[in-house]
């Protein structure tokens, strides 16, 4: 952004010189378009920076897709995942989902990769990951949550992973959920512990 600003200053100086000194009037043919181009570059850079700032302020949340799909009556359903995604988006979260490799087979009777699973649950492909066959999804979920500073929506306690991911024991890190009387509930409020 410094270079376009410097060129803008030079262009404005060129315009001023062309207006003040009659012998340099041809300089206006170069300085004016240059100033306009610099203004466009600066505006573009400002808009990109503003978009990046908005994106950086997103509150990410990771969905344990293979866990959540069983929440409504114990039967795996994509509709359950879609409802959780919609609910979280409505609360201002940016959800991402991670699934075991067999999730597509369980839900749809065939393998679903990132893009197909994303379409099925209402998320863009870049917010969905189906791990490779033979690989548990838990380490990927935990790593993504750690990298993004995100909470995890799941009823799993990740006790097998608490040694390498002690953050799973932090109050409010794991968000429980399910259905009561046919209505989705999510425990989104962090647990506040009183000092002993």
Foldseek 3Di string as FASTA:
>chain_A
DVVLVVQLVVLVVLCVCLVPPVVSVVSPVVSVVSNVVSVVVVVVVVVVVVVVVVVLPAAEEEEAQQFQLLQEPRQRELVSLLVVCVVQVVVRHDYAYEYEQCSCCRHPVDGDAQCRSCVSNVHHSVRYGHDDHPDDRVVVRLVVCVVSVHAYEHPDLPPVCCVVRVCSPAFQRYWYWHDDPRDTDIRNDGDDDDDD
